[in-house]
N, C-alpha and C. Protein backbone atom coordinates (compact mmCIF):
# COMPACT_ATOMS: atom_id res chain seq x y z
N UNK A 1 140.33 88.63 120.60
CA UNK A 1 141.23 89.78 120.70
C UNK A 1 140.64 91.03 120.03
N UNK A 2 139.63 90.85 119.18
CA UNK A 2 139.04 92.02 118.53
C UNK A 2 138.47 93.01 119.55
N UNK A 3 137.81 92.48 120.57
CA UNK A 3 137.23 93.34 121.59
C UNK A 3 138.33 94.07 122.35
N UNK A 4 139.37 93.37 122.70
CA UNK A 4 140.48 94.01 123.42
C UNK A 4 141.12 95.08 122.54
N UNK A 5 141.31 94.78 121.27
CA UNK A 5 141.88 95.77 120.36
C UNK A 5 141.03 97.04 120.33
N UNK A 6 139.73 96.87 120.26
CA UNK A 6 138.82 98.03 120.23
C UNK A 6 138.87 98.79 121.56
N UNK A 7 138.98 98.07 122.66
CA UNK A 7 139.10 98.72 123.97
C UNK A 7 140.36 99.60 124.01
N UNK A 8 141.43 99.14 123.40
CA UNK A 8 142.67 99.92 123.42
C UNK A 8 142.60 101.10 122.47
N UNK A 9 141.91 100.96 121.37
CA UNK A 9 141.71 102.12 120.49
C UNK A 9 140.93 103.19 121.24
N UNK A 10 139.95 102.76 122.03
CA UNK A 10 139.19 103.71 122.85
C UNK A 10 140.09 104.31 123.93
N UNK A 11 140.92 103.50 124.56
CA UNK A 11 141.84 103.98 125.59
C UNK A 11 142.75 105.07 125.02
N UNK A 12 143.31 104.86 123.84
CA UNK A 12 144.20 105.85 123.23
C UNK A 12 143.42 107.16 122.99
N UNK A 13 142.24 107.04 122.43
CA UNK A 13 141.38 108.18 122.12
C UNK A 13 141.04 108.94 123.41
N UNK A 14 140.65 108.21 124.44
CA UNK A 14 140.26 108.83 125.70
C UNK A 14 141.45 109.54 126.37
N UNK A 15 142.61 108.89 126.36
CA UNK A 15 143.81 109.53 126.94
C UNK A 15 144.14 110.83 126.21
N UNK A 16 144.05 110.81 124.89
CA UNK A 16 144.36 112.03 124.13
C UNK A 16 143.35 113.14 124.44
N UNK A 17 142.07 112.77 124.59
CA UNK A 17 141.04 113.78 124.90
C UNK A 17 141.26 114.39 126.29
N UNK A 18 141.60 113.56 127.25
CA UNK A 18 141.88 114.09 128.60
C UNK A 18 143.11 114.99 128.55
N UNK A 19 144.16 114.55 127.88
CA UNK A 19 145.38 115.36 127.77
C UNK A 19 145.06 116.72 127.16
N UNK A 20 144.31 116.72 126.07
CA UNK A 20 143.96 117.99 125.42
C UNK A 20 143.17 118.90 126.36
N UNK A 21 142.24 118.33 127.10
CA UNK A 21 141.44 119.12 128.04
C UNK A 21 142.33 119.72 129.13
N UNK A 22 143.25 118.93 129.65
CA UNK A 22 144.14 119.43 130.70
C UNK A 22 145.08 120.51 130.16
N UNK A 23 145.51 120.36 128.92
CA UNK A 23 146.38 121.37 128.32
C UNK A 23 145.64 122.69 128.09
N UNK A 24 144.33 122.63 127.91
CA UNK A 24 143.53 123.85 127.70
C UNK A 24 143.15 124.55 129.00
N UNK A 25 143.28 123.85 130.12
CA UNK A 25 142.87 124.45 131.40
C UNK A 25 143.75 125.64 131.73
N UNK A 26 143.09 126.70 132.18
CA UNK A 26 143.83 127.91 132.54
C UNK A 26 144.51 127.78 133.88
N UNK A 27 143.85 127.09 134.80
CA UNK A 27 144.43 126.90 136.13
C UNK A 27 145.01 125.49 136.24
N UNK A 28 146.10 125.39 136.95
CA UNK A 28 146.72 124.09 137.18
C UNK A 28 145.95 123.35 138.27
N UNK A 29 145.51 122.15 137.98
CA UNK A 29 144.78 121.34 138.95
C UNK A 29 145.63 120.12 139.27
N UNK A 30 146.39 120.21 140.35
CA UNK A 30 147.34 119.16 140.72
C UNK A 30 146.68 117.80 140.92
N UNK A 31 145.51 117.79 141.54
CA UNK A 31 144.83 116.53 141.81
C UNK A 31 144.45 115.82 140.51
N UNK A 32 143.92 116.57 139.57
CA UNK A 32 143.53 116.01 138.28
C UNK A 32 144.76 115.53 137.52
N UNK A 33 145.80 116.33 137.51
CA UNK A 33 147.04 115.94 136.82
C UNK A 33 147.66 114.69 137.45
N UNK A 34 147.59 114.61 138.76
CA UNK A 34 148.14 113.44 139.46
C UNK A 34 147.36 112.18 139.09
N UNK A 35 146.05 112.27 138.99
CA UNK A 35 145.25 111.12 138.58
C UNK A 35 145.59 110.70 137.15
N UNK A 36 145.73 111.67 136.26
CA UNK A 36 146.05 111.34 134.87
C UNK A 36 147.44 110.71 134.78
N UNK A 37 148.38 111.27 135.52
CA UNK A 37 149.72 110.70 135.55
C UNK A 37 149.69 109.27 136.07
N UNK A 38 148.86 109.01 137.07
CA UNK A 38 148.72 107.65 137.60
C UNK A 38 148.22 106.67 136.52
N UNK A 39 147.24 107.08 135.76
CA UNK A 39 146.75 106.23 134.66
C UNK A 39 147.91 105.85 133.75
N UNK A 40 148.66 106.86 133.35
CA UNK A 40 149.75 106.66 132.38
C UNK A 40 150.90 105.85 132.97
N UNK A 41 151.23 106.10 134.22
CA UNK A 41 152.29 105.33 134.88
C UNK A 41 151.87 103.86 135.02
N UNK A 42 150.64 103.63 135.41
CA UNK A 42 150.15 102.25 135.54
C UNK A 42 150.16 101.54 134.19
N UNK A 43 149.76 102.24 133.14
CA UNK A 43 149.83 101.65 131.80
C UNK A 43 151.27 101.25 131.47
N UNK A 44 152.21 102.13 131.79
CA UNK A 44 153.63 101.86 131.52
C UNK A 44 154.12 100.65 132.31
N UNK A 45 153.72 100.56 133.57
CA UNK A 45 154.12 99.42 134.41
C UNK A 45 153.59 98.12 133.81
N UNK A 46 152.31 98.09 133.46
CA UNK A 46 151.72 96.86 132.91
C UNK A 46 152.31 96.52 131.55
N UNK A 47 152.56 97.52 130.73
CA UNK A 47 153.18 97.28 129.43
C UNK A 47 154.56 96.65 129.63
N UNK A 48 155.32 97.17 130.56
CA UNK A 48 156.65 96.64 130.85
C UNK A 48 156.56 95.18 131.29
N UNK A 49 155.61 94.88 132.16
CA UNK A 49 155.42 93.49 132.60
C UNK A 49 155.02 92.59 131.44
N UNK A 50 154.11 93.07 130.61
CA UNK A 50 153.67 92.27 129.46
C UNK A 50 154.80 92.03 128.46
N UNK A 51 155.78 92.91 128.46
CA UNK A 51 156.95 92.75 127.60
C UNK A 51 158.00 91.83 128.23
N UNK A 52 157.69 91.33 129.43
CA UNK A 52 158.60 90.41 130.12
C UNK A 52 159.75 91.10 130.83
N UNK A 53 159.61 92.38 131.08
CA UNK A 53 160.67 93.15 131.72
C UNK A 53 160.31 93.45 133.17
N UNK A 54 161.32 93.84 133.93
CA UNK A 54 161.16 94.20 135.33
C UNK A 54 160.56 95.60 135.45
N UNK A 55 159.48 95.73 136.18
CA UNK A 55 158.82 97.02 136.34
C UNK A 55 159.05 97.64 137.73
N UNK A 56 159.90 97.01 138.53
CA UNK A 56 160.04 97.42 139.93
C UNK A 56 160.55 98.85 140.11
N UNK A 57 161.26 99.38 139.13
CA UNK A 57 161.79 100.74 139.28
C UNK A 57 160.84 101.81 138.75
N UNK A 58 159.71 101.39 138.20
CA UNK A 58 158.77 102.35 137.62
C UNK A 58 157.75 102.81 138.67
N UNK A 59 157.46 104.11 138.70
CA UNK A 59 156.48 104.61 139.67
C UNK A 59 155.05 104.27 139.25
N UNK A 60 154.19 104.11 140.24
CA UNK A 60 152.75 103.96 139.99
C UNK A 60 152.08 105.33 140.12
N UNK A 61 152.58 106.14 141.02
CA UNK A 61 152.10 107.51 141.24
C UNK A 61 153.27 108.46 141.01
N UNK A 62 153.00 109.59 140.39
CA UNK A 62 154.05 110.56 140.11
C UNK A 62 153.41 111.95 140.01
N UNK A 63 154.21 112.95 140.22
CA UNK A 63 153.74 114.33 140.07
C UNK A 63 154.30 114.94 138.78
N UNK A 64 154.25 114.16 137.71
CA UNK A 64 154.78 114.63 136.42
C UNK A 64 153.93 115.77 135.88
N UNK A 65 154.55 116.60 135.04
CA UNK A 65 153.81 117.68 134.41
C UNK A 65 153.16 117.19 133.11
N UNK A 66 152.42 118.07 132.48
CA UNK A 66 151.67 117.66 131.28
C UNK A 66 152.59 117.33 130.09
N UNK A 67 153.77 117.90 130.09
CA UNK A 67 154.73 117.57 129.03
C UNK A 67 155.15 116.11 129.13
N UNK A 68 155.41 115.65 130.34
CA UNK A 68 155.75 114.25 130.58
C UNK A 68 154.55 113.37 130.26
N UNK A 69 153.35 113.83 130.64
CA UNK A 69 152.14 113.07 130.33
C UNK A 69 151.98 112.89 128.82
N UNK A 70 152.22 113.95 128.06
CA UNK A 70 152.10 113.86 126.61
C UNK A 70 153.07 112.81 126.05
N UNK A 71 154.28 112.78 126.59
CA UNK A 71 155.26 111.78 126.16
C UNK A 71 154.79 110.37 126.51
N UNK A 72 154.26 110.20 127.72
CA UNK A 72 153.78 108.89 128.15
C UNK A 72 152.59 108.43 127.32
N UNK A 73 151.69 109.34 126.97
CA UNK A 73 150.56 108.99 126.11
C UNK A 73 151.08 108.37 124.82
N UNK A 74 152.04 109.02 124.20
CA UNK A 74 152.62 108.53 122.94
C UNK A 74 153.35 107.21 123.13
N UNK A 75 154.20 107.14 124.14
CA UNK A 75 154.98 105.92 124.39
C UNK A 75 154.08 104.73 124.68
N UNK A 76 153.07 104.94 125.53
CA UNK A 76 152.17 103.84 125.88
C UNK A 76 151.37 103.38 124.67
N UNK A 77 150.89 104.33 123.88
CA UNK A 77 150.12 103.96 122.69
C UNK A 77 150.99 103.15 121.72
N UNK A 78 152.18 103.62 121.48
CA UNK A 78 153.09 102.88 120.59
C UNK A 78 153.40 101.49 121.14
N UNK A 79 153.68 101.42 122.43
CA UNK A 79 154.03 100.16 123.06
C UNK A 79 152.89 99.15 123.03
N UNK A 80 151.69 99.60 123.41
CA UNK A 80 150.55 98.68 123.40
C UNK A 80 150.14 98.29 121.99
N UNK A 81 150.26 99.22 121.03
CA UNK A 81 149.93 98.89 119.64
C UNK A 81 150.85 97.78 119.14
N UNK A 82 152.13 97.92 119.41
CA UNK A 82 153.10 96.89 119.01
C UNK A 82 152.82 95.58 119.73
N UNK A 83 152.57 95.65 121.02
CA UNK A 83 152.29 94.45 121.81
C UNK A 83 151.06 93.73 121.29
N UNK A 84 149.99 94.46 121.05
CA UNK A 84 148.74 93.83 120.59
C UNK A 84 148.90 93.20 119.20
N UNK A 85 149.67 93.84 118.33
CA UNK A 85 149.95 93.23 117.02
C UNK A 85 150.69 91.92 117.19
N UNK A 86 151.64 91.91 118.11
CA UNK A 86 152.42 90.70 118.36
C UNK A 86 151.61 89.59 118.99
N UNK A 87 150.55 89.95 119.69
CA UNK A 87 149.70 88.96 120.35
C UNK A 87 148.59 88.43 119.44
N UNK A 88 148.47 88.99 118.26
CA UNK A 88 147.36 88.63 117.36
C UNK A 88 147.29 87.14 117.09
N UNK A 89 148.41 86.47 117.01
CA UNK A 89 148.42 85.04 116.69
C UNK A 89 148.83 84.17 117.87
N UNK A 90 148.66 84.69 119.08
CA UNK A 90 149.00 83.93 120.27
C UNK A 90 147.75 83.76 121.13
N UNK A 91 147.86 82.93 122.12
CA UNK A 91 146.75 82.66 123.03
C UNK A 91 146.69 83.75 124.10
N UNK A 92 145.64 84.58 124.11
CA UNK A 92 145.55 85.65 125.12
C UNK A 92 145.29 85.11 126.52
N UNK A 93 145.01 83.81 126.62
CA UNK A 93 144.77 83.22 127.93
C UNK A 93 146.02 82.60 128.54
N UNK A 94 147.17 82.83 127.88
CA UNK A 94 148.43 82.36 128.46
C UNK A 94 148.69 83.15 129.74
N UNK A 95 149.37 82.52 130.68
CA UNK A 95 149.62 83.13 131.98
C UNK A 95 150.93 83.88 131.97
N UNK A 96 150.94 84.98 132.71
CA UNK A 96 152.13 85.80 132.85
C UNK A 96 152.40 85.98 134.34
N UNK A 97 153.62 85.69 134.75
CA UNK A 97 154.03 85.91 136.13
C UNK A 97 154.78 87.23 136.22
N UNK A 98 154.55 87.95 137.29
CA UNK A 98 155.17 89.26 137.48
C UNK A 98 155.19 89.57 138.97
N UNK A 99 155.97 90.57 139.33
CA UNK A 99 156.01 91.04 140.72
C UNK A 99 155.37 92.43 140.77
N UNK A 100 154.57 92.64 141.82
CA UNK A 100 153.98 93.97 141.98
C UNK A 100 155.01 94.92 142.58
N UNK A 101 154.58 96.14 142.86
CA UNK A 101 155.52 97.16 143.36
C UNK A 101 156.05 96.84 144.75
N UNK A 102 155.42 95.90 145.46
CA UNK A 102 155.89 95.49 146.78
C UNK A 102 156.74 94.22 146.72
N UNK A 103 156.99 93.73 145.50
CA UNK A 103 157.81 92.54 145.33
C UNK A 103 157.06 91.23 145.43
N UNK A 104 155.75 91.28 145.59
CA UNK A 104 154.95 90.05 145.66
C UNK A 104 154.74 89.50 144.25
N UNK A 105 154.82 88.18 144.13
CA UNK A 105 154.66 87.57 142.82
C UNK A 105 153.21 87.15 142.58
N UNK A 106 152.76 87.40 141.36
CA UNK A 106 151.41 87.05 140.94
C UNK A 106 151.46 86.47 139.53
N UNK A 107 150.39 85.80 139.14
CA UNK A 107 150.22 85.32 137.77
C UNK A 107 148.79 85.60 137.36
N UNK A 108 148.64 86.12 136.16
CA UNK A 108 147.33 86.38 135.57
C UNK A 108 147.42 86.10 134.07
N UNK A 109 146.27 85.90 133.45
CA UNK A 109 146.28 85.72 132.01
C UNK A 109 146.54 87.07 131.34
N UNK A 110 147.13 87.02 130.17
CA UNK A 110 147.38 88.23 129.40
C UNK A 110 146.05 88.94 129.14
N UNK A 111 145.01 88.18 128.81
CA UNK A 111 143.69 88.77 128.57
C UNK A 111 143.20 89.55 129.79
N UNK A 112 143.34 88.96 130.97
CA UNK A 112 142.89 89.64 132.18
C UNK A 112 143.70 90.90 132.48
N UNK A 113 144.98 90.85 132.23
CA UNK A 113 145.83 92.03 132.44
C UNK A 113 145.43 93.14 131.48
N UNK A 114 145.26 92.80 130.21
CA UNK A 114 144.88 93.80 129.22
C UNK A 114 143.52 94.41 129.55
N UNK A 115 142.60 93.58 130.00
CA UNK A 115 141.27 94.08 130.38
C UNK A 115 141.39 95.00 131.59
N UNK A 116 142.19 94.59 132.56
CA UNK A 116 142.40 95.42 133.75
C UNK A 116 142.93 96.80 133.38
N UNK A 117 143.93 96.85 132.52
CA UNK A 117 144.54 98.14 132.16
C UNK A 117 143.49 99.06 131.52
N UNK A 118 142.70 98.52 130.61
CA UNK A 118 141.68 99.34 129.95
C UNK A 118 140.63 99.84 130.95
N UNK A 119 140.19 98.97 131.84
CA UNK A 119 139.16 99.36 132.81
C UNK A 119 139.71 100.29 133.89
N UNK A 120 140.95 100.08 134.28
CA UNK A 120 141.60 100.94 135.28
C UNK A 120 141.61 102.39 134.80
N UNK A 121 141.99 102.59 133.55
CA UNK A 121 142.02 103.94 132.99
C UNK A 121 140.64 104.57 132.95
N UNK A 122 139.63 103.77 132.57
CA UNK A 122 138.26 104.29 132.53
C UNK A 122 137.83 104.77 133.91
N UNK A 123 138.13 103.98 134.91
CA UNK A 123 137.76 104.33 136.28
C UNK A 123 138.36 105.69 136.67
N UNK A 124 139.65 105.85 136.46
CA UNK A 124 140.31 107.08 136.87
C UNK A 124 139.95 108.27 135.97
N UNK A 125 139.67 108.02 134.69
CA UNK A 125 139.20 109.13 133.84
C UNK A 125 137.84 109.62 134.34
N UNK A 126 137.02 108.73 134.89
CA UNK A 126 135.76 109.14 135.50
C UNK A 126 136.01 110.01 136.72
N UNK A 127 137.01 109.66 137.52
CA UNK A 127 137.37 110.49 138.67
C UNK A 127 137.83 111.87 138.22
N UNK A 128 138.62 111.89 137.15
CA UNK A 128 139.10 113.17 136.61
C UNK A 128 137.90 114.03 136.21
N UNK A 129 136.95 113.43 135.51
CA UNK A 129 135.78 114.19 135.08
C UNK A 129 134.97 114.71 136.26
N UNK A 130 134.85 113.93 137.31
CA UNK A 130 134.14 114.39 138.52
C UNK A 130 134.84 115.60 139.11
N UNK A 131 136.14 115.57 139.15
CA UNK A 131 136.89 116.69 139.72
C UNK A 131 136.83 117.92 138.81
N UNK A 132 136.83 117.70 137.50
CA UNK A 132 136.68 118.83 136.58
C UNK A 132 135.33 119.51 136.81
N UNK A 133 134.27 118.71 136.88
CA UNK A 133 132.92 119.28 137.10
C UNK A 133 132.87 120.05 138.42
N UNK A 134 133.48 119.49 139.46
CA UNK A 134 133.49 120.16 140.77
C UNK A 134 134.24 121.49 140.71
N UNK A 135 135.17 121.60 139.77
CA UNK A 135 135.93 122.84 139.60
C UNK A 135 135.26 123.80 138.63
N UNK A 136 134.06 123.43 138.15
CA UNK A 136 133.33 124.30 137.24
C UNK A 136 133.75 124.15 135.79
N UNK A 137 134.44 123.07 135.48
CA UNK A 137 134.91 122.81 134.11
C UNK A 137 134.06 121.69 133.52
N UNK A 138 133.67 121.85 132.28
CA UNK A 138 132.86 120.83 131.61
C UNK A 138 133.67 119.54 131.48
N UNK A 139 133.12 118.41 131.94
CA UNK A 139 133.82 117.14 131.82
C UNK A 139 134.05 116.75 130.36
N UNK A 140 135.04 115.92 130.14
CA UNK A 140 135.37 115.44 128.80
C UNK A 140 134.48 114.25 128.49
N UNK A 141 133.77 114.30 127.38
CA UNK A 141 132.90 113.19 127.00
C UNK A 141 133.78 112.06 126.48
N UNK A 142 133.71 110.92 127.16
CA UNK A 142 134.59 109.79 126.84
C UNK A 142 133.81 108.50 126.58
N UNK A 143 132.50 108.61 126.44
CA UNK A 143 131.69 107.41 126.26
C UNK A 143 132.17 106.59 125.07
N UNK A 144 132.20 105.28 125.28
CA UNK A 144 132.64 104.37 124.22
C UNK A 144 131.78 104.53 122.98
N UNK A 145 130.47 104.68 123.15
CA UNK A 145 129.59 104.77 121.99
C UNK A 145 129.90 106.00 121.15
N UNK A 146 130.30 107.10 121.80
CA UNK A 146 130.71 108.28 121.06
C UNK A 146 131.97 107.97 120.25
N UNK A 147 132.87 107.25 120.84
CA UNK A 147 134.11 106.87 120.15
C UNK A 147 133.81 106.03 118.90
N UNK A 148 132.92 105.07 119.01
CA UNK A 148 132.68 104.18 117.86
C UNK A 148 131.80 104.83 116.79
N UNK A 149 131.11 105.89 117.14
CA UNK A 149 130.30 106.60 116.15
C UNK A 149 131.23 107.29 115.17
C-alpha cells in the first residue's frame, strides 16, 4: 500500500497544480476545463464505489466551472485520504462489486481500482497539457520525479 499511498500524494499534488494553472489562464478553455472536470468526477465516482455507496447518480462528464473543480479537488483529496488510512490494515486485493454508469455489474480488486484512478488522472492531465501547449500556454510540469524531489 505504500506505493499506492505515494501515487495518491502525487495525484493530489498534480490536481492542485493543474487547478492553479487553469485559474491563472486569462482565456477560458472549455475543452481543458471539461477534461479536468472529468478527472475529478471520475475520482468522485470511484471514491463513492470504494465507500460502498451507489454512484449511479454521479456524472462522469460535466461542464462544471473552476469553482466547482476547486471544491471537488478538496473533497476527493479528503475522501481518498480517509479511505486510504482505513485500508492500511486491510487486504488491498479484496474484491469490490459495483455497477458502472450503464448499470452493468463488475468486480475488481481494491488495489486495481485505486491504481486505475491514479493512472486515469495521469492520462487526462497529459491531454490537458497537450491542449495547453497547442494554445500557446506552457504545460504544467507534473512528473512524478519532480514531485518526490
